[in-house]
């Protein structure tokens, strides 16, 4: 590697670090069930920030229903988060799909 390559690698690393910080500030919301009974908020780094569960779906006789709603909402939030992160990183990578970066 020559100095130019090293400089480019450092610049790319700095841009990637900045993008990762920006991804923390991106939030997406997903919900499941009637009337958005379960709501999940995630950030652009696929971290769950909050889960809201409506009391109307808390039924001790039907725990599987609540489990399914929570799972569905979390999976949808993570999918939205991944898409938002990919969009954010697309400008950094020039559209290349780099393994480990989404």
N, C-alpha and C. Protein backbone atom coordinates (compact mmCIF):
# COMPACT_ATOMS: atom_id res chain seq x y z
N UNK A 1 0.84 -1.19 0.00
CA UNK A 1 0.00 0.00 0.00
C UNK A 1 0.88 1.25 0.00
N UNK A 2 0.50 2.20 -0.81
CA UNK A 2 1.23 3.46 -0.79
C UNK A 2 0.49 4.46 0.11
N UNK A 3 1.06 5.63 0.28
CA UNK A 3 0.47 6.64 1.17
C UNK A 3 -0.92 7.07 0.73
N UNK A 4 -1.14 7.13 -0.56
CA UNK A 4 -2.44 7.51 -1.09
C UNK A 4 -3.51 6.49 -0.68
N UNK A 5 -3.17 5.21 -0.77
CA UNK A 5 -4.10 4.16 -0.37
C UNK A 5 -4.41 4.23 1.12
N UNK A 6 -3.38 4.50 1.91
CA UNK A 6 -3.57 4.60 3.36
C UNK A 6 -4.47 5.79 3.69
N UNK A 7 -4.24 6.89 3.00
CA UNK A 7 -5.06 8.08 3.23
C UNK A 7 -6.51 7.80 2.86
N UNK A 8 -6.73 7.13 1.73
CA UNK A 8 -8.09 6.79 1.31
C UNK A 8 -8.76 5.85 2.31
N UNK A 9 -8.01 4.89 2.83
CA UNK A 9 -8.55 3.95 3.81
C UNK A 9 -8.94 4.68 5.09
N UNK A 10 -8.14 5.62 5.51
CA UNK A 10 -8.45 6.41 6.72
C UNK A 10 -9.70 7.27 6.50
N UNK A 11 -9.79 7.87 5.31
CA UNK A 11 -10.96 8.69 5.00
C UNK A 11 -12.23 7.83 4.98
N UNK A 12 -12.13 6.65 4.40
CA UNK A 12 -13.27 5.73 4.36
C UNK A 12 -13.67 5.32 5.78
N UNK A 13 -12.68 5.04 6.61
CA UNK A 13 -12.94 4.67 8.01
C UNK A 13 -13.64 5.81 8.74
N UNK A 14 -13.18 7.03 8.54
CA UNK A 14 -13.80 8.20 9.19
C UNK A 14 -15.24 8.36 8.73
N UNK A 15 -15.47 8.18 7.43
CA UNK A 15 -16.84 8.28 6.91
C UNK A 15 -17.73 7.18 7.47
N UNK A 16 -17.18 5.98 7.57
CA UNK A 16 -17.93 4.86 8.12
C UNK A 16 -18.28 5.12 9.59
N UNK A 17 -17.32 5.61 10.35
CA UNK A 17 -17.58 5.94 11.76
C UNK A 17 -18.68 6.99 11.88
N UNK A 18 -18.63 8.00 11.02
CA UNK A 18 -19.65 9.05 11.04
C UNK A 18 -21.02 8.48 10.68
N UNK A 19 -21.05 7.62 9.69
CA UNK A 19 -22.31 7.00 9.28
C UNK A 19 -22.88 6.15 10.40
N UNK A 20 -22.02 5.41 11.11
CA UNK A 20 -22.49 4.60 12.23
C UNK A 20 -23.13 5.48 13.31
N UNK A 21 -22.54 6.64 13.57
CA UNK A 21 -23.12 7.58 14.54
C UNK A 21 -24.49 8.06 14.07
N UNK A 22 -24.58 8.36 12.77
CA UNK A 22 -25.84 8.83 12.21
C UNK A 22 -26.92 7.74 12.29
N UNK A 23 -26.52 6.49 12.13
CA UNK A 23 -27.48 5.39 12.20
C UNK A 23 -28.11 5.28 13.58
N UNK A 24 -27.39 5.67 14.62
CA UNK A 24 -27.96 5.65 15.97
C UNK A 24 -29.16 6.60 16.07
N UNK A 25 -29.16 7.66 15.26
CA UNK A 25 -30.21 8.67 15.32
C UNK A 25 -31.41 8.37 14.43
N UNK A 26 -31.29 7.38 13.57
CA UNK A 26 -32.41 6.98 12.72
C UNK A 26 -33.32 6.07 13.54
N UNK A 27 -34.61 6.34 13.51
CA UNK A 27 -35.54 5.44 14.19
C UNK A 27 -36.62 4.99 13.22
N UNK A 28 -37.04 3.76 13.41
CA UNK A 28 -38.14 3.21 12.63
C UNK A 28 -39.14 2.60 13.61
N UNK A 29 -40.39 2.57 13.21
CA UNK A 29 -41.44 2.02 14.06
C UNK A 29 -42.20 0.96 13.30
N UNK A 30 -42.57 -0.09 14.01
CA UNK A 30 -43.38 -1.15 13.42
C UNK A 30 -44.43 -1.54 14.45
N UNK A 31 -45.53 -2.08 13.95
CA UNK A 31 -46.58 -2.49 14.87
C UNK A 31 -47.24 -3.77 14.37
N UNK A 32 -47.97 -4.39 15.28
CA UNK A 32 -48.69 -5.62 14.96
C UNK A 32 -49.97 -5.64 15.77
N UNK A 33 -50.94 -6.33 15.23
CA UNK A 33 -52.21 -6.49 15.93
C UNK A 33 -53.19 -5.38 15.64
N UNK A 34 -54.43 -5.62 16.04
CA UNK A 34 -55.50 -4.63 15.84
C UNK A 34 -55.18 -3.35 16.59
N UNK A 35 -55.33 -2.25 15.88
CA UNK A 35 -55.09 -0.95 16.52
C UNK A 35 -53.67 -0.77 17.00
N UNK A 36 -52.74 -1.39 16.31
CA UNK A 36 -51.32 -1.28 16.69
C UNK A 36 -51.11 -1.73 18.14
N UNK A 37 -51.61 -2.90 18.46
CA UNK A 37 -51.57 -3.41 19.83
C UNK A 37 -50.15 -3.53 20.37
N UNK A 38 -49.19 -3.84 19.49
CA UNK A 38 -47.79 -3.90 19.90
C UNK A 38 -47.00 -2.99 18.97
N UNK A 39 -46.26 -2.05 19.56
CA UNK A 39 -45.43 -1.13 18.79
C UNK A 39 -43.98 -1.32 19.21
N UNK A 40 -43.10 -1.35 18.21
CA UNK A 40 -41.67 -1.50 18.46
C UNK A 40 -40.94 -0.38 17.74
N UNK A 41 -40.00 0.23 18.44
CA UNK A 41 -39.14 1.26 17.84
C UNK A 41 -37.71 0.73 17.87
N UNK A 42 -37.03 0.83 16.72
CA UNK A 42 -35.64 0.41 16.61
C UNK A 42 -34.83 1.54 16.00
N UNK A 43 -33.52 1.50 16.21
CA UNK A 43 -32.67 2.51 15.57
C UNK A 43 -32.03 1.92 14.32
N UNK A 44 -31.22 2.71 13.65
CA UNK A 44 -30.59 2.29 12.41
C UNK A 44 -29.48 1.26 12.60
N UNK A 45 -29.18 0.93 13.85
CA UNK A 45 -28.17 -0.09 14.14
C UNK A 45 -28.82 -1.38 14.60
N UNK A 46 -30.09 -1.54 14.31
CA UNK A 46 -30.87 -2.74 14.65
C UNK A 46 -30.93 -2.98 16.16
N UNK A 47 -31.00 -1.90 16.92
CA UNK A 47 -31.19 -2.02 18.36
C UNK A 47 -32.62 -1.60 18.69
N UNK A 48 -33.28 -2.41 19.49
CA UNK A 48 -34.65 -2.11 19.90
C UNK A 48 -34.58 -1.00 20.95
N UNK A 49 -35.31 0.08 20.71
CA UNK A 49 -35.32 1.21 21.63
C UNK A 49 -36.49 1.15 22.59
N UNK A 50 -37.63 0.66 22.10
CA UNK A 50 -38.79 0.55 22.99
C UNK A 50 -39.81 -0.43 22.42
N UNK A 51 -40.61 -0.96 23.34
CA UNK A 51 -41.73 -1.83 22.98
C UNK A 51 -42.92 -1.36 23.81
N UNK A 52 -44.02 -1.09 23.13
CA UNK A 52 -45.26 -0.72 23.81
C UNK A 52 -46.29 -1.81 23.55
N UNK A 53 -46.94 -2.25 24.61
CA UNK A 53 -47.95 -3.30 24.49
C UNK A 53 -49.26 -2.77 25.06
N UNK A 54 -50.28 -2.80 24.26
CA UNK A 54 -51.60 -2.36 24.70
C UNK A 54 -52.15 -3.36 25.73
N UNK A 55 -52.70 -2.85 26.82
CA UNK A 55 -53.28 -3.76 27.82
C UNK A 55 -54.35 -4.69 27.24
N UNK A 56 -54.96 -4.28 26.16
CA UNK A 56 -56.03 -5.09 25.58
C UNK A 56 -55.55 -6.44 25.04
N UNK A 57 -54.26 -6.58 24.77
CA UNK A 57 -53.75 -7.86 24.25
C UNK A 57 -53.04 -8.69 25.31
N UNK A 58 -53.07 -8.21 26.54
CA UNK A 58 -52.45 -8.98 27.63
C UNK A 58 -53.53 -9.86 28.24
N UNK A 59 -53.54 -11.09 27.79
CA UNK A 59 -54.52 -12.07 28.25
C UNK A 59 -53.77 -13.29 28.76
N UNK A 60 -53.80 -13.53 30.08
CA UNK A 60 -53.08 -14.68 30.63
C UNK A 60 -53.52 -16.01 30.04
N UNK A 61 -54.69 -16.04 29.45
CA UNK A 61 -55.20 -17.27 28.85
C UNK A 61 -54.64 -17.49 27.44
N UNK A 62 -54.08 -16.43 26.84
CA UNK A 62 -53.58 -16.52 25.46
C UNK A 62 -52.17 -15.92 25.34
N UNK A 63 -51.21 -16.50 26.03
CA UNK A 63 -49.86 -15.93 25.96
C UNK A 63 -49.24 -16.05 24.57
N UNK A 64 -49.60 -17.07 23.81
CA UNK A 64 -49.02 -17.27 22.47
C UNK A 64 -49.37 -16.10 21.54
N UNK A 65 -50.58 -15.57 21.67
CA UNK A 65 -50.99 -14.45 20.83
C UNK A 65 -50.07 -13.25 21.06
N UNK A 66 -49.82 -12.93 22.32
CA UNK A 66 -48.94 -11.81 22.63
C UNK A 66 -47.52 -12.08 22.13
N UNK A 67 -47.04 -13.28 22.32
CA UNK A 67 -45.71 -13.65 21.83
C UNK A 67 -45.61 -13.46 20.32
N UNK A 68 -46.64 -13.88 19.60
CA UNK A 68 -46.64 -13.74 18.13
C UNK A 68 -46.66 -12.28 17.71
N UNK A 69 -47.45 -11.46 18.40
CA UNK A 69 -47.52 -10.04 18.05
C UNK A 69 -46.19 -9.35 18.31
N UNK A 70 -45.58 -9.65 19.44
CA UNK A 70 -44.28 -9.04 19.76
C UNK A 70 -43.23 -9.47 18.75
N UNK A 71 -43.19 -10.74 18.44
CA UNK A 71 -42.22 -11.25 17.47
C UNK A 71 -42.42 -10.60 16.10
N UNK A 72 -43.67 -10.51 15.67
CA UNK A 72 -43.96 -9.90 14.36
C UNK A 72 -43.52 -8.44 14.33
N UNK A 73 -43.84 -7.69 15.37
CA UNK A 73 -43.49 -6.27 15.40
C UNK A 73 -41.97 -6.08 15.45
N UNK A 74 -41.28 -6.90 16.23
CA UNK A 74 -39.82 -6.79 16.30
C UNK A 74 -39.19 -7.11 14.95
N UNK A 75 -39.62 -8.19 14.33
CA UNK A 75 -39.05 -8.55 13.03
C UNK A 75 -39.30 -7.47 11.98
N UNK A 76 -40.47 -6.88 11.99
CA UNK A 76 -40.78 -5.80 11.04
C UNK A 76 -39.90 -4.58 11.32
N UNK A 77 -39.73 -4.24 12.59
CA UNK A 77 -38.88 -3.09 12.95
C UNK A 77 -37.44 -3.33 12.52
N UNK A 78 -36.94 -4.53 12.74
CA UNK A 78 -35.56 -4.83 12.35
C UNK A 78 -35.38 -4.81 10.83
N UNK A 79 -36.38 -5.29 10.10
CA UNK A 79 -36.32 -5.23 8.63
C UNK A 79 -36.29 -3.78 8.17
N UNK A 80 -37.14 -2.95 8.74
CA UNK A 80 -37.16 -1.52 8.37
C UNK A 80 -35.82 -0.87 8.73
N UNK A 81 -35.27 -1.24 9.88
CA UNK A 81 -34.00 -0.69 10.31
C UNK A 81 -32.88 -1.07 9.34
N UNK A 82 -32.87 -2.32 8.92
CA UNK A 82 -31.85 -2.78 7.98
C UNK A 82 -31.96 -2.04 6.65
N UNK A 83 -33.18 -1.83 6.19
CA UNK A 83 -33.37 -1.09 4.93
C UNK A 83 -32.91 0.35 5.06
N UNK A 84 -33.21 0.98 6.20
CA UNK A 84 -32.77 2.36 6.42
C UNK A 84 -31.25 2.44 6.49
N UNK A 85 -30.63 1.48 7.15
CA UNK A 85 -29.17 1.46 7.25
C UNK A 85 -28.54 1.24 5.88
N UNK A 86 -29.11 0.33 5.12
CA UNK A 86 -28.57 0.05 3.77
C UNK A 86 -28.65 1.30 2.91
N UNK A 87 -29.75 2.02 3.02
CA UNK A 87 -29.91 3.25 2.25
C UNK A 87 -28.86 4.29 2.66
N UNK A 88 -28.64 4.41 3.97
CA UNK A 88 -27.66 5.35 4.49
C UNK A 88 -26.25 4.97 4.04
N UNK A 89 -25.94 3.69 4.07
CA UNK A 89 -24.60 3.23 3.71
C UNK A 89 -24.36 3.19 2.21
N UNK A 90 -25.44 3.20 1.44
CA UNK A 90 -25.30 3.13 -0.02
C UNK A 90 -24.47 4.28 -0.57
N UNK A 91 -24.66 5.47 -0.01
CA UNK A 91 -23.87 6.61 -0.49
C UNK A 91 -22.40 6.46 -0.14
N UNK A 92 -22.14 5.82 0.98
CA UNK A 92 -20.76 5.62 1.41
C UNK A 92 -20.04 4.57 0.56
N UNK A 93 -20.74 3.52 0.20
CA UNK A 93 -20.11 2.42 -0.53
C UNK A 93 -20.28 2.52 -2.03
N UNK A 94 -20.98 3.54 -2.48
CA UNK A 94 -21.19 3.69 -3.91
C UNK A 94 -22.06 2.59 -4.50
N UNK A 95 -22.92 2.01 -3.67
CA UNK A 95 -23.81 0.97 -4.14
C UNK A 95 -23.23 -0.43 -4.04
N UNK A 96 -21.95 -0.54 -3.67
CA UNK A 96 -21.36 -1.88 -3.53
C UNK A 96 -21.91 -2.54 -2.27
N UNK A 97 -22.14 -3.82 -2.35
CA UNK A 97 -22.60 -4.58 -1.19
C UNK A 97 -21.37 -5.18 -0.51
N UNK A 98 -20.96 -4.55 0.56
CA UNK A 98 -19.76 -5.00 1.28
C UNK A 98 -20.21 -5.88 2.44
N UNK A 99 -19.73 -7.12 2.49
CA UNK A 99 -20.12 -8.02 3.56
C UNK A 99 -19.84 -7.42 4.94
N UNK A 100 -20.82 -7.57 5.84
CA UNK A 100 -20.65 -7.03 7.19
C UNK A 100 -21.14 -5.62 7.36
N UNK A 101 -21.48 -4.96 6.26
CA UNK A 101 -22.00 -3.59 6.35
C UNK A 101 -23.49 -3.53 6.02
N UNK A 102 -24.17 -4.64 5.97
CA UNK A 102 -25.59 -4.76 5.66
C UNK A 102 -25.77 -5.22 4.25
